[in-house]
Amino acid sequence: MYKTLATFALMALATGAEAQLASKKSLTLGAAKQIAAAAEEEARKNNWNVVIVILDDGGNLVYLQKMDGTQIGSIAVAQAKAQSAISFKRPTKVFEDALVGGRQAILKLPGAIPVEGGIPLENGGTMIGAIGVSGVTSQQDGQIAGAGAKAAAAMK
């Protein structure tokens, strides 16, 4: 019996010794500002005033930018879009398309925002956060968010 316990203890120690922490990419403030700048460039070239929100992979606010002339209601909407995108690991357009397609059950998913403009941010196959944009039409918000997502994917 003691031999069995000793063997079990050695196996547990060996397994524990092999455990390591994962290393992962994480979103920095500087990176968030670059992503937001790419989104802002898209907005400015179209003369659109929006709120741009960048969240990290845990859904925490890293950066928020409200362009002059944007309605204050867009602050909460942009945050909600980004939170939905990071929580469900998909663009909010997926929920919008489902709702337009008649899938009313989407409205019952806690935190799912069925309005385009929230996109997960990925880099090298790793989800690093999300961007949310609000201020113009949902399609235009999505276009702006897409510019930010493209910038995130291209970062080294």
C-alpha atoms as a PDB file:
ATOM      1  CA  MET A   1       0.000   0.000   0.000  1.00  0.00           C
ATOM      2  CA  TYR A   2       2.805   2.416   0.884  1.00  0.00           C
ATOM      3  CA  LYS A   3       4.526   1.560  -2.390  1.00  0.00           C
ATOM      4  CA  THR A   4       1.359   2.509  -4.279  1.00  0.00           C
ATOM      5  CA  LEU A   5       1.062   5.806  -2.396  1.00  0.00           C
ATOM      6  CA  ALA A   6       4.712   6.599  -3.039  1.00  0.00           C
ATOM      7  CA  THR A   7       4.317   5.866  -6.740  1.00  0.00           C
ATOM      8  CA  PHE A   8       1.207   8.058  -6.879  1.00  0.00           C
ATOM      9  CA  ALA A   9       3.016  10.897  -5.073  1.00  0.00           C
ATOM     10  CA  LEU A  10       5.990  10.690  -7.475  1.00  0.00           C
ATOM     11  CA  MET A  11       3.657  10.743 -10.458  1.00  0.00           C
ATOM     12  CA  ALA A  12       1.852  13.804  -9.071  1.00  0.00           C
ATOM     13  CA  LEU A  13       5.149  15.604  -8.508  1.00  0.00           C
ATOM     14  CA  ALA A  14       6.363  14.763 -12.001  1.00  0.00           C
ATOM     15  CA  THR A  15       3.159  16.029 -13.554  1.00  0.00           C
ATOM     16  CA  GLY A  16       3.333  19.233 -11.506  1.00  0.00           C
ATOM     17  CA  ALA A  17       6.948  19.807 -12.528  1.00  0.00           C
ATOM     18  CA  GLU A  18       5.959  19.765 -16.196  1.00  0.00           C
ATOM     19  CA  ALA A  19       3.272  22.402 -15.786  1.00  0.00           C
ATOM     20  CA  GLN A  20       4.232  25.773 -17.204  1.00  0.00           C
ATOM     21  CA  LEU A  21       2.568  29.088 -17.704  1.00  0.00           C
ATOM     22  CA  ALA A  22       1.572  29.922 -21.255  1.00  0.00           C
ATOM     23  CA  SER A  23       3.126  32.872 -22.960  1.00  0.00           C
ATOM     24  CA  LYS A  24       0.731  34.957 -24.973  1.00  0.00           C
ATOM     25  CA  LYS A  25       0.528  38.168 -26.903  1.00  0.00           C
ATOM     26  CA  SER A  26      -1.202  40.959 -25.064  1.00  0.00           C
ATOM     27  CA  LEU A  27      -2.562  44.284 -26.159  1.00  0.00           C
ATOM     28  CA  THR A  28      -0.553  47.319 -25.042  1.00  0.00           C
ATOM     29  CA  LEU A  29      -1.753  50.894 -24.850  1.00  0.00           C
ATOM     30  CA  GLY A  30       0.568  51.792 -27.731  1.00  0.00           C
ATOM     31  CA  ALA A  31      -0.859  49.014 -29.893  1.00  0.00           C
ATOM     32  CA  ALA A  32      -4.417  50.039 -28.972  1.00  0.00           C
ATOM     33  CA  LYS A  33      -3.657  53.614 -30.037  1.00  0.00           C
ATOM     34  CA  GLN A  34      -2.281  52.383 -33.390  1.00  0.00           C
ATOM     35  CA  ILE A  35      -5.374  50.258 -33.990  1.00  0.00           C
ATOM     36  CA  ALA A  36      -7.626  53.186 -33.108  1.00  0.00           C
ATOM     37  CA  ALA A  37      -5.575  55.480 -35.383  1.00  0.00           C
ATOM     38  CA  ALA A  38      -6.141  53.135 -38.336  1.00  0.00           C
ATOM     39  CA  ALA A  39      -9.876  53.110 -37.581  1.00  0.00           C
ATOM     40  CA  GLU A  40      -9.914  56.892 -37.192  1.00  0.00           C
ATOM     41  CA  GLU A  41      -8.164  57.304 -40.547  1.00  0.00           C
ATOM     42  CA  GLU A  42     -10.964  55.312 -42.200  1.00  0.00           C
ATOM     43  CA  ALA A  43     -13.578  57.434 -40.433  1.00  0.00           C
ATOM     44  CA  ARG A  44     -11.917  60.738 -41.345  1.00  0.00           C
ATOM     45  CA  LYS A  45     -11.492  59.892 -45.012  1.00  0.00           C
ATOM     46  CA  ASN A  46     -15.276  59.423 -45.135  1.00  0.00           C
ATOM     47  CA  ASN A  47     -16.088  62.437 -42.919  1.00  0.00           C
ATOM     48  CA  TRP A  48     -17.657  60.218 -40.254  1.00  0.00           C
ATOM     49  CA  ASN A  49     -17.502  61.089 -36.545  1.00  0.00           C
ATOM     50  CA  VAL A  50     -17.475  58.054 -34.282  1.00  0.00           C
ATOM     51  CA  VAL A  51     -16.462  56.590 -30.955  1.00  0.00           C
ATOM     52  CA  ILE A  52     -13.718  53.957 -31.150  1.00  0.00           C
ATOM     53  CA  VAL A  53     -13.222  51.531 -28.258  1.00  0.00           C
ATOM     54  CA  ILE A  54     -10.410  49.014 -27.852  1.00  0.00           C
ATOM     55  CA  LEU A  55     -10.714  46.208 -25.266  1.00  0.00           C
ATOM     56  CA  ASP A  56      -8.087  43.651 -24.273  1.00  0.00           C
ATOM     57  CA  ASP A  57      -8.704  39.891 -24.476  1.00  0.00           C
ATOM     58  CA  GLY A  58     -10.333  39.953 -21.036  1.00  0.00           C
ATOM     59  CA  GLY A  59     -12.858  42.584 -22.095  1.00  0.00           C
ATOM     60  CA  ASN A  60     -11.146  45.380 -20.174  1.00  0.00           C
ATOM     61  CA  LEU A  61     -11.126  48.894 -21.593  1.00  0.00           C
ATOM     62  CA  VAL A  62      -7.688  49.829 -22.931  1.00  0.00           C
ATOM     63  CA  TYR A  63      -8.539  52.845 -25.085  1.00  0.00           C
ATOM     64  CA  LEU A  64     -11.589  54.972 -25.898  1.00  0.00           C
ATOM     65  CA  GLN A  65     -11.691  57.814 -28.378  1.00  0.00           C
ATOM     66  CA  LYS A  66     -14.674  60.059 -29.106  1.00  0.00           C
ATOM     67  CA  MET A  67     -14.228  62.125 -32.237  1.00  0.00           C
ATOM     68  CA  ASP A  68     -15.512  65.705 -32.102  1.00  0.00           C
ATOM     69  CA  GLY A  69     -19.193  65.968 -32.923  1.00  0.00           C
ATOM     70  CA  THR A  70     -20.065  62.362 -32.078  1.00  0.00           C
ATOM     71  CA  GLN A  71     -23.201  61.828 -29.986  1.00  0.00           C
ATOM     72  CA  ILE A  72     -22.439  60.712 -26.441  1.00  0.00           C
ATOM     73  CA  GLY A  73     -24.785  57.740 -26.717  1.00  0.00           C
ATOM     74  CA  SER A  74     -22.229  56.145 -29.029  1.00  0.00           C
ATOM     75  CA  ILE A  75     -19.807  55.725 -26.118  1.00  0.00           C
ATOM     76  CA  ALA A  76     -21.901  53.005 -24.484  1.00  0.00           C
ATOM     77  CA  VAL A  77     -22.841  51.462 -27.834  1.00  0.00           C
ATOM     78  CA  ALA A  78     -19.202  51.158 -28.995  1.00  0.00           C
ATOM     79  CA  GLN A  79     -18.244  49.583 -25.667  1.00  0.00           C
ATOM     80  CA  ALA A  80     -21.125  47.108 -25.904  1.00  0.00           C
ATOM     81  CA  LYS A  81     -20.187  46.147 -29.465  1.00  0.00           C
ATOM     82  CA  ALA A  82     -16.559  45.507 -28.486  1.00  0.00           C
ATOM     83  CA  GLN A  83     -17.633  43.535 -25.394  1.00  0.00           C
ATOM     84  CA  SER A  84     -19.953  41.384 -27.508  1.00  0.00           C
ATOM     85  CA  ALA A  85     -17.195  40.714 -30.049  1.00  0.00           C
ATOM     86  CA  ILE A  86     -14.684  39.620 -27.402  1.00  0.00           C
ATOM     87  CA  SER A  87     -17.203  37.631 -25.365  1.00  0.00           C
ATOM     88  CA  PHE A  88     -18.447  35.594 -28.312  1.00  0.00           C
ATOM     89  CA  LYS A  89     -15.193  35.667 -30.335  1.00  0.00           C
ATOM     90  CA  ARG A  90     -16.992  36.831 -33.466  1.00  0.00           C
ATOM     91  CA  PRO A  91     -17.996  40.052 -35.178  1.00  0.00           C
ATOM     92  CA  THR A  92     -21.298  41.534 -34.086  1.00  0.00           C
ATOM     93  CA  LYS A  93     -22.342  41.444 -37.748  1.00  0.00           C
ATOM     94  CA  VAL A  94     -22.866  37.697 -37.266  1.00  0.00           C
ATOM     95  CA  PHE A  95     -25.631  38.478 -34.768  1.00  0.00           C
ATOM     96  CA  GLU A  96     -27.084  41.210 -36.980  1.00  0.00           C
ATOM     97  CA  ASP A  97     -27.221  38.819 -39.944  1.00  0.00           C
ATOM     98  CA  ALA A  98     -28.869  36.141 -37.798  1.00  0.00           C
ATOM     99  CA  LEU A  99     -31.507  38.588 -36.596  1.00  0.00           C
ATOM    100  CA  VAL A 100     -32.191  39.850 -40.124  1.00  0.00           C
ATOM    101  CA  GLY A 101     -32.472  36.193 -41.166  1.00  0.00           C
ATOM    102  CA  GLY A 102     -35.279  35.672 -38.661  1.00  0.00           C
ATOM    103  CA  ARG A 103     -33.380  34.149 -35.750  1.00  0.00           C
ATOM    104  CA  GLN A 104     -35.050  36.103 -32.940  1.00  0.00           C
ATOM    105  CA  ALA A 105     -33.357  33.866 -30.342  1.00  0.00           C
ATOM    106  CA  ILE A 106     -30.226  36.001 -30.826  1.00  0.00           C
ATOM    107  CA  LEU A 107     -31.958  38.662 -28.742  1.00  0.00           C
ATOM    108  CA  LYS A 108     -31.944  36.305 -25.748  1.00  0.00           C
ATOM    109  CA  LEU A 109     -28.181  35.782 -25.693  1.00  0.00           C
ATOM    110  CA  PRO A 110     -26.830  37.863 -22.795  1.00  0.00           C
ATOM    111  CA  GLY A 111     -24.442  40.477 -24.158  1.00  0.00           C
ATOM    112  CA  ALA A 112     -24.912  39.646 -27.841  1.00  0.00           C
ATOM    113  CA  ILE A 113     -25.254  42.932 -29.719  1.00  0.00           C
ATOM    114  CA  PRO A 114     -26.952  42.361 -33.093  1.00  0.00           C
ATOM    115  CA  VAL A 115     -25.542  45.517 -34.676  1.00  0.00           C
ATOM    116  CA  GLU A 116     -22.446  45.618 -36.913  1.00  0.00           C
ATOM    117  CA  GLY A 117     -19.413  47.473 -35.590  1.00  0.00           C
ATOM    118  CA  GLY A 118     -17.755  45.113 -33.103  1.00  0.00           C
ATOM    119  CA  ILE A 119     -14.877  42.914 -34.282  1.00  0.00           C
ATOM    120  CA  PRO A 120     -12.450  40.661 -32.391  1.00  0.00           C
ATOM    121  CA  LEU A 121      -8.812  41.670 -32.808  1.00  0.00           C
ATOM    122  CA  GLU A 122      -6.457  38.888 -33.830  1.00  0.00           C
ATOM    123  CA  ASN A 123      -2.749  38.773 -34.403  1.00  0.00           C
ATOM    124  CA  GLY A 124      -0.901  35.671 -35.524  1.00  0.00           C
ATOM    125  CA  GLY A 125      -3.908  33.486 -34.800  1.00  0.00           C
ATOM    126  CA  THR A 126      -4.233  34.803 -31.242  1.00  0.00           C
ATOM    127  CA  MET A 127      -7.185  36.849 -30.058  1.00  0.00           C
ATOM    128  CA  ILE A 128      -5.742  39.965 -28.419  1.00  0.00           C
ATOM    129  CA  GLY A 129      -8.896  42.023 -27.874  1.00  0.00           C
ATOM    130  CA  ALA A 130     -11.770  43.673 -29.697  1.00  0.00           C
ATOM    131  CA  ILE A 131     -12.711  46.942 -31.343  1.00  0.00           C
ATOM    132  CA  GLY A 132     -16.114  48.575 -31.159  1.00  0.00           C
ATOM    133  CA  VAL A 133     -17.232  51.532 -33.252  1.00  0.00           C
ATOM    134  CA  SER A 134     -20.427  53.579 -33.083  1.00  0.00           C
ATOM    135  CA  GLY A 135     -21.590  56.875 -34.530  1.00  0.00           C
ATOM    136  CA  VAL A 136     -22.736  56.324 -38.101  1.00  0.00           C
ATOM    137  CA  THR A 137     -24.700  53.494 -39.744  1.00  0.00           C
ATOM    138  CA  SER A 138     -23.904  49.980 -38.549  1.00  0.00           C
ATOM    139  CA  GLN A 139     -22.376  49.135 -41.947  1.00  0.00           C
ATOM    140  CA  GLN A 140     -20.142  52.221 -41.755  1.00  0.00           C
ATOM    141  CA  ASP A 141     -19.238  51.394 -38.139  1.00  0.00           C
ATOM    142  CA  GLY A 142     -18.235  47.923 -39.354  1.00  0.00           C
ATOM    143  CA  GLN A 143     -16.106  49.393 -42.130  1.00  0.00           C
ATOM    144  CA  ILE A 144     -14.234  51.554 -39.617  1.00  0.00           C
ATOM    145  CA  ALA A 145     -13.823  48.687 -37.153  1.00  0.00           C
ATOM    146  CA  GLY A 146     -12.544  46.523 -40.001  1.00  0.00           C
ATOM    147  CA  ALA A 147      -9.757  49.018 -40.667  1.00  0.00           C
ATOM    148  CA  GLY A 148      -8.709  48.742 -37.022  1.00  0.00           C
ATOM    149  CA  ALA A 149      -8.876  44.939 -37.087  1.00  0.00           C
ATOM    150  CA  LYS A 150      -6.732  44.876 -40.218  1.00  0.00           C
ATOM    151  CA  ALA A 151      -4.128  47.060 -38.487  1.00  0.00           C
ATOM    152  CA  ALA A 152      -4.101  44.716 -35.462  1.00  0.00           C
ATOM    153  CA  ALA A 153      -3.560  41.679 -37.667  1.00  0.00           C
ATOM    154  CA  ALA A 154      -0.596  43.353 -39.407  1.00  0.00           C
ATOM    155  CA  MET A 155       1.249  44.287 -36.196  1.00  0.00           C
ATOM    156  CA  LYS A 156       4.527  42.578 -35.360  1.00  0.00           C
END
